[in-house]
Amino acid sequence: MTEANTLNILKKAIILEQRGHAFYKKVAEQAENEEVRSFFESMAQEEIIHLKVLSAQFKAFNKRGNFEPGTFEGAQKSTLPQKVLNLEIMKRIASAGFEASAISAAIAMEQRAVNIYADQADAADDPEEKIVYNWLSTWERDHLNMLMEIDQALLDQVWGDNNFWPF
């Protein structure tokens, strides 16, 4: 892979994470329920972790032409799934149309991130680059799976609340 292409991918990834952070922060600011606000604030903070890793890799690659090992030590995995997936948050999100819509938008955003990072991990020649993009892909996939669980729970709740069952 060419140096210019690697730097271009890193720039796109940094922008993607900045947009994710801005999105989650805005949703958190507009959330009326404290638990829902905390959930979206946590999502925003995790995007900051990704930004720091990507920025460090951009600087390293731009300076030395390779990825730097160990830039994400101590931030190996998302902490959100253990903290947030509970019935109360599901109910709070379902009762607020804005947050429910934000979940749908977040799914699309996280799916895009998973695809970009997984594709880049497959294309990378530098072993450290593969490690970084696999790490990011896994983390974003955790976000995606969690958001899809929330979305499914919201769908089930709306379906049940409105008696859409044919039997």
C-alpha atoms as a PDB file:
ATOM      1  CA  MET A   1       0.000   0.000   0.000  1.00  0.00           C
ATOM      2  CA  THR A   2       1.344   3.436  -0.814  1.00  0.00           C
ATOM      3  CA  GLU A   3       2.252   5.940   1.874  1.00  0.00           C
ATOM      4  CA  ALA A   4      -0.226   8.471   0.505  1.00  0.00           C
ATOM      5  CA  ASN A   5      -3.028   5.891   0.577  1.00  0.00           C
ATOM      6  CA  THR A   6      -2.239   4.901   4.170  1.00  0.00           C
ATOM      7  CA  LEU A   7      -2.239   8.529   5.276  1.00  0.00           C
ATOM      8  CA  ASN A   8      -5.498   9.103   3.394  1.00  0.00           C
ATOM      9  CA  ILE A   9      -7.148   6.141   5.160  1.00  0.00           C
ATOM     10  CA  LEU A  10      -5.938   7.446   8.522  1.00  0.00           C
ATOM     11  CA  LYS A  11      -7.353  10.910   7.739  1.00  0.00           C
ATOM     12  CA  LYS A  12     -10.715   9.388   6.808  1.00  0.00           C
ATOM     13  CA  ALA A  13     -10.698   7.284   9.976  1.00  0.00           C
ATOM     14  CA  ILE A  14      -9.895  10.311  12.140  1.00  0.00           C
ATOM     15  CA  ILE A  15     -12.739  12.278  10.557  1.00  0.00           C
ATOM     16  CA  LEU A  16     -15.102   9.325  11.018  1.00  0.00           C
ATOM     17  CA  GLU A  17     -14.252   9.166  14.725  1.00  0.00           C
ATOM     18  CA  GLN A  18     -14.596  12.965  15.102  1.00  0.00           C
ATOM     19  CA  ARG A  19     -18.042  12.796  13.539  1.00  0.00           C
ATOM     20  CA  GLY A  20     -18.990   9.894  15.803  1.00  0.00           C
ATOM     21  CA  HIS A  21     -17.852  11.822  18.850  1.00  0.00           C
ATOM     22  CA  ALA A  22     -19.786  14.940  17.790  1.00  0.00           C
ATOM     23  CA  PHE A  23     -22.902  12.875  17.063  1.00  0.00           C
ATOM     24  CA  TYR A  24     -22.904  10.989  20.363  1.00  0.00           C
ATOM     25  CA  LYS A  25     -22.107  14.160  22.307  1.00  0.00           C
ATOM     26  CA  LYS A  26     -25.031  16.002  20.690  1.00  0.00           C
ATOM     27  CA  VAL A  27     -27.440  13.160  21.387  1.00  0.00           C
ATOM     28  CA  ALA A  28     -26.231  13.072  25.007  1.00  0.00           C
ATOM     29  CA  GLU A  29     -26.824  16.814  25.350  1.00  0.00           C
ATOM     30  CA  GLN A  30     -30.393  16.427  24.100  1.00  0.00           C
ATOM     31  CA  ALA A  31     -31.261  13.304  26.089  1.00  0.00           C
ATOM     32  CA  GLU A  32     -33.763  13.988  28.848  1.00  0.00           C
ATOM     33  CA  ASN A  33     -33.040  10.897  30.942  1.00  0.00           C
ATOM     34  CA  GLU A  34     -29.773  10.690  32.923  1.00  0.00           C
ATOM     35  CA  GLU A  35     -29.141   7.013  32.120  1.00  0.00           C
ATOM     36  CA  VAL A  36     -29.652   7.601  28.406  1.00  0.00           C
ATOM     37  CA  ARG A  37     -27.454  10.692  28.573  1.00  0.00           C
ATOM     38  CA  SER A  38     -24.740   8.666  30.309  1.00  0.00           C
ATOM     39  CA  PHE A  39     -24.944   5.962  27.642  1.00  0.00           C
ATOM     40  CA  PHE A  40     -24.401   8.430  24.798  1.00  0.00           C
ATOM     41  CA  GLU A  41     -21.676  10.268  26.741  1.00  0.00           C
ATOM     42  CA  SER A  42     -19.868   6.945  27.154  1.00  0.00           C
ATOM     43  CA  MET A  43     -20.154   6.298  23.424  1.00  0.00           C
ATOM     44  CA  ALA A  44     -18.681   9.776  22.777  1.00  0.00           C
ATOM     45  CA  GLN A  45     -15.788   9.067  25.150  1.00  0.00           C
ATOM     46  CA  GLU A  46     -14.984   5.805  23.413  1.00  0.00           C
ATOM     47  CA  GLU A  47     -14.748   7.676  20.110  1.00  0.00           C
ATOM     48  CA  ILE A  48     -12.152   9.948  21.775  1.00  0.00           C
ATOM     49  CA  ILE A  49     -10.065   6.856  22.603  1.00  0.00           C
ATOM     50  CA  HIS A  50     -10.190   5.845  18.941  1.00  0.00           C
ATOM     51  CA  LEU A  51      -9.253   9.386  17.891  1.00  0.00           C
ATOM     52  CA  LYS A  52      -6.193   9.353  20.139  1.00  0.00           C
ATOM     53  CA  VAL A  53      -5.005   6.016  18.756  1.00  0.00           C
ATOM     54  CA  LEU A  54      -5.549   7.063  15.148  1.00  0.00           C
ATOM     55  CA  SER A  55      -3.888  10.449  15.688  1.00  0.00           C
ATOM     56  CA  ALA A  56      -0.847   8.789  17.256  1.00  0.00           C
ATOM     57  CA  GLN A  57      -0.637   6.379  14.334  1.00  0.00           C
ATOM     58  CA  PHE A  58      -0.975   9.223  11.827  1.00  0.00           C
ATOM     59  CA  LYS A  59       1.924  11.077  13.461  1.00  0.00           C
ATOM     60  CA  ALA A  60       4.057   7.927  13.629  1.00  0.00           C
ATOM     61  CA  PHE A  61       3.367   6.932  10.033  1.00  0.00           C
ATOM     62  CA  ASN A  62       3.851  10.455   8.734  1.00  0.00           C
ATOM     63  CA  LYS A  63       7.184  10.730  10.564  1.00  0.00           C
ATOM     64  CA  ARG A  64       8.659   7.213  10.176  1.00  0.00           C
ATOM     65  CA  GLY A  65       6.572   5.498   7.516  1.00  0.00           C
ATOM     66  CA  ASN A  66       5.209   2.758   9.772  1.00  0.00           C
ATOM     67  CA  PHE A  67       2.684   2.207  12.535  1.00  0.00           C
ATOM     68  CA  GLU A  68       3.830   2.446  16.134  1.00  0.00           C
ATOM     69  CA  PRO A  69       3.214  -0.550  18.398  1.00  0.00           C
ATOM     70  CA  GLY A  70       1.348  -0.216  21.676  1.00  0.00           C
ATOM     71  CA  THR A  71      -0.655   2.942  21.031  1.00  0.00           C
ATOM     72  CA  PHE A  72      -3.794   1.460  22.521  1.00  0.00           C
ATOM     73  CA  GLU A  73      -2.385  -0.231  25.607  1.00  0.00           C
ATOM     74  CA  GLY A  74      -4.901  -0.049  28.442  1.00  0.00           C
ATOM     75  CA  ALA A  75      -7.841   0.517  26.082  1.00  0.00           C
ATOM     76  CA  GLN A  76      -8.256  -2.961  24.717  1.00  0.00           C
ATOM     77  CA  LYS A  77     -12.033  -3.306  24.672  1.00  0.00           C
ATOM     78  CA  SER A  78     -15.223  -1.357  24.987  1.00  0.00           C
ATOM     79  CA  THR A  79     -16.662  -1.172  28.488  1.00  0.00           C
ATOM     80  CA  LEU A  80     -20.154  -0.220  27.349  1.00  0.00           C
ATOM     81  CA  PRO A  81     -21.896  -3.590  26.952  1.00  0.00           C
ATOM     82  CA  GLN A  82     -21.445  -4.480  30.615  1.00  0.00           C
ATOM     83  CA  LYS A  83     -22.616  -1.049  31.789  1.00  0.00           C
ATOM     84  CA  VAL A  84     -25.568  -0.096  29.679  1.00  0.00           C
ATOM     85  CA  LEU A  85     -27.693  -2.867  28.316  1.00  0.00           C
ATOM     86  CA  ASN A  86     -30.457  -2.979  30.847  1.00  0.00           C
ATOM     87  CA  LEU A  87     -34.217  -2.900  30.627  1.00  0.00           C
ATOM     88  CA  GLU A  88     -34.508   0.589  32.127  1.00  0.00           C
ATOM     89  CA  ILE A  89     -32.345   2.184  29.432  1.00  0.00           C
ATOM     90  CA  MET A  90     -34.272   0.322  26.742  1.00  0.00           C
ATOM     91  CA  LYS A  91     -37.542   1.713  28.123  1.00  0.00           C
ATOM     92  CA  ARG A  92     -36.162   5.238  28.359  1.00  0.00           C
ATOM     93  CA  ILE A  93     -34.867   5.181  24.791  1.00  0.00           C
ATOM     94  CA  ALA A  94     -38.112   3.695  23.471  1.00  0.00           C
ATOM     95  CA  SER A  95     -40.158   6.419  25.113  1.00  0.00           C
ATOM     96  CA  ALA A  96     -38.082   9.152  23.453  1.00  0.00           C
ATOM     97  CA  GLY A  97     -38.340   9.237  19.685  1.00  0.00           C
ATOM     98  CA  PHE A  98     -35.167  11.281  19.241  1.00  0.00           C
ATOM     99  CA  GLU A  99     -32.931   8.789  21.049  1.00  0.00           C
ATOM    100  CA  ALA A 100     -34.552   5.872  19.222  1.00  0.00           C
ATOM    101  CA  SER A 101     -33.846   7.600  15.913  1.00  0.00           C
ATOM    102  CA  ALA A 102     -30.292   8.251  17.065  1.00  0.00           C
ATOM    103  CA  ILE A 103     -29.833   4.512  17.594  1.00  0.00           C
ATOM    104  CA  SER A 104     -30.730   3.885  13.930  1.00  0.00           C
ATOM    105  CA  ALA A 105     -28.312   6.574  12.754  1.00  0.00           C
ATOM    106  CA  ALA A 106     -25.600   5.221  15.046  1.00  0.00           C
ATOM    107  CA  ILE A 107     -26.031   1.721  13.595  1.00  0.00           C
ATOM    108  CA  ALA A 108     -25.298   3.046  10.107  1.00  0.00           C
ATOM    109  CA  MET A 109     -22.297   5.004  11.366  1.00  0.00           C
ATOM    110  CA  GLU A 110     -20.835   2.065  13.290  1.00  0.00           C
ATOM    111  CA  GLN A 111     -21.402  -0.321  10.361  1.00  0.00           C
ATOM    112  CA  ARG A 112     -19.439   2.040   8.136  1.00  0.00           C
ATOM    113  CA  ALA A 113     -16.598   2.126  10.676  1.00  0.00           C
ATOM    114  CA  VAL A 114     -16.537  -1.674  10.944  1.00  0.00           C
ATOM    115  CA  ASN A 115     -16.343  -1.981   7.163  1.00  0.00           C
ATOM    116  CA  ILE A 116     -13.580   0.602   6.776  1.00  0.00           C
ATOM    117  CA  TYR A 117     -11.443  -0.843   9.562  1.00  0.00           C
ATOM    118  CA  ALA A 118     -11.950  -4.479   8.559  1.00  0.00           C
ATOM    119  CA  ASP A 119     -11.138  -3.706   4.918  1.00  0.00           C
ATOM    120  CA  GLN A 120      -8.032  -1.792   5.936  1.00  0.00           C
ATOM    121  CA  ALA A 121      -6.891  -4.605   8.219  1.00  0.00           C
ATOM    122  CA  ASP A 122      -7.195  -7.009   5.277  1.00  0.00           C
ATOM    123  CA  ALA A 123      -5.300  -4.676   2.919  1.00  0.00           C
ATOM    124  CA  ALA A 124      -2.512  -3.688   5.313  1.00  0.00           C
ATOM    125  CA  ASP A 125       1.028  -4.957   4.752  1.00  0.00           C
ATOM    126  CA  ASP A 126       2.438  -3.564   7.997  1.00  0.00           C
ATOM    127  CA  PRO A 127       1.730  -6.069  10.822  1.00  0.00           C
ATOM    128  CA  GLU A 128       1.226  -3.268  13.336  1.00  0.00           C
ATOM    129  CA  GLU A 129      -1.241  -1.568  10.991  1.00  0.00           C
ATOM    130  CA  LYS A 130      -3.205  -4.836  10.806  1.00  0.00           C
ATOM    131  CA  ILE A 131      -3.260  -5.022  14.604  1.00  0.00           C
ATOM    132  CA  VAL A 132      -4.542  -1.452  14.961  1.00  0.00           C
ATOM    133  CA  TYR A 133      -7.291  -1.840  12.361  1.00  0.00           C
ATOM    134  CA  ASN A 134      -8.359  -5.240  13.675  1.00  0.00           C
ATOM    135  CA  TRP A 135      -8.557  -3.729  17.174  1.00  0.00           C
ATOM    136  CA  LEU A 136     -10.668  -0.826  15.913  1.00  0.00           C
ATOM    137  CA  SER A 137     -12.861  -3.125  13.828  1.00  0.00           C
ATOM    138  CA  THR A 138     -13.529  -5.362  16.829  1.00  0.00           C
ATOM    139  CA  TRP A 139     -14.329  -2.415  19.085  1.00  0.00           C
ATOM    140  CA  GLU A 140     -16.670  -0.848  16.527  1.00  0.00           C
ATOM    141  CA  ARG A 141     -18.300  -4.250  15.964  1.00  0.00           C
ATOM    142  CA  ASP A 142     -18.981  -4.385  19.728  1.00  0.00           C
ATOM    143  CA  HIS A 143     -20.654  -0.970  19.432  1.00  0.00           C
ATOM    144  CA  LEU A 144     -22.614  -2.122  16.388  1.00  0.00           C
ATOM    145  CA  ASN A 145     -23.817  -5.326  18.039  1.00  0.00           C
ATOM    146  CA  MET A 146     -24.864  -3.467  21.174  1.00  0.00           C
ATOM    147  CA  LEU A 147     -26.765  -0.850  19.155  1.00  0.00           C
ATOM    148  CA  MET A 148     -28.451  -3.578  17.108  1.00  0.00           C
ATOM    149  CA  GLU A 149     -29.559  -5.292  20.343  1.00  0.00           C
ATOM    150  CA  ILE A 150     -31.034  -2.015  21.546  1.00  0.00           C
ATOM    151  CA  ASP A 151     -32.728  -1.478  18.189  1.00  0.00           C
ATOM    152  CA  GLN A 152     -34.218  -4.981  18.256  1.00  0.00           C
ATOM    153  CA  ALA A 153     -35.471  -4.470  21.796  1.00  0.00           C
ATOM    154  CA  LEU A 154     -37.041  -1.177  20.734  1.00  0.00           C
ATOM    155  CA  LEU A 155     -38.714  -2.869  17.782  1.00  0.00           C
ATOM    156  CA  ASP A 156     -40.033  -5.665  20.004  1.00  0.00           C
ATOM    157  CA  GLN A 157     -41.331  -3.150  22.532  1.00  0.00           C
ATOM    158  CA  VAL A 158     -43.100  -1.000  19.944  1.00  0.00           C
ATOM    159  CA  TRP A 159     -44.514  -4.108  18.276  1.00  0.00           C
ATOM    160  CA  GLY A 160     -45.827  -5.430  21.570  1.00  0.00           C
ATOM    161  CA  ASP A 161     -47.078  -2.075  22.874  1.00  0.00           C
ATOM    162  CA  ASN A 162     -49.143  -1.559  19.738  1.00  0.00           C
ATOM    163  CA  ASN A 163     -50.565  -5.096  19.645  1.00  0.00           C
ATOM    164  CA  PHE A 164     -49.214  -5.805  16.179  1.00  0.00           C
ATOM    165  CA  TRP A 165     -49.122  -9.542  16.871  1.00  0.00           C
ATOM    166  CA  PRO A 166     -51.499 -11.391  14.501  1.00  0.00           C
ATOM    167  CA  PHE A 167     -52.278 -14.113  17.034  1.00  0.00           C
END
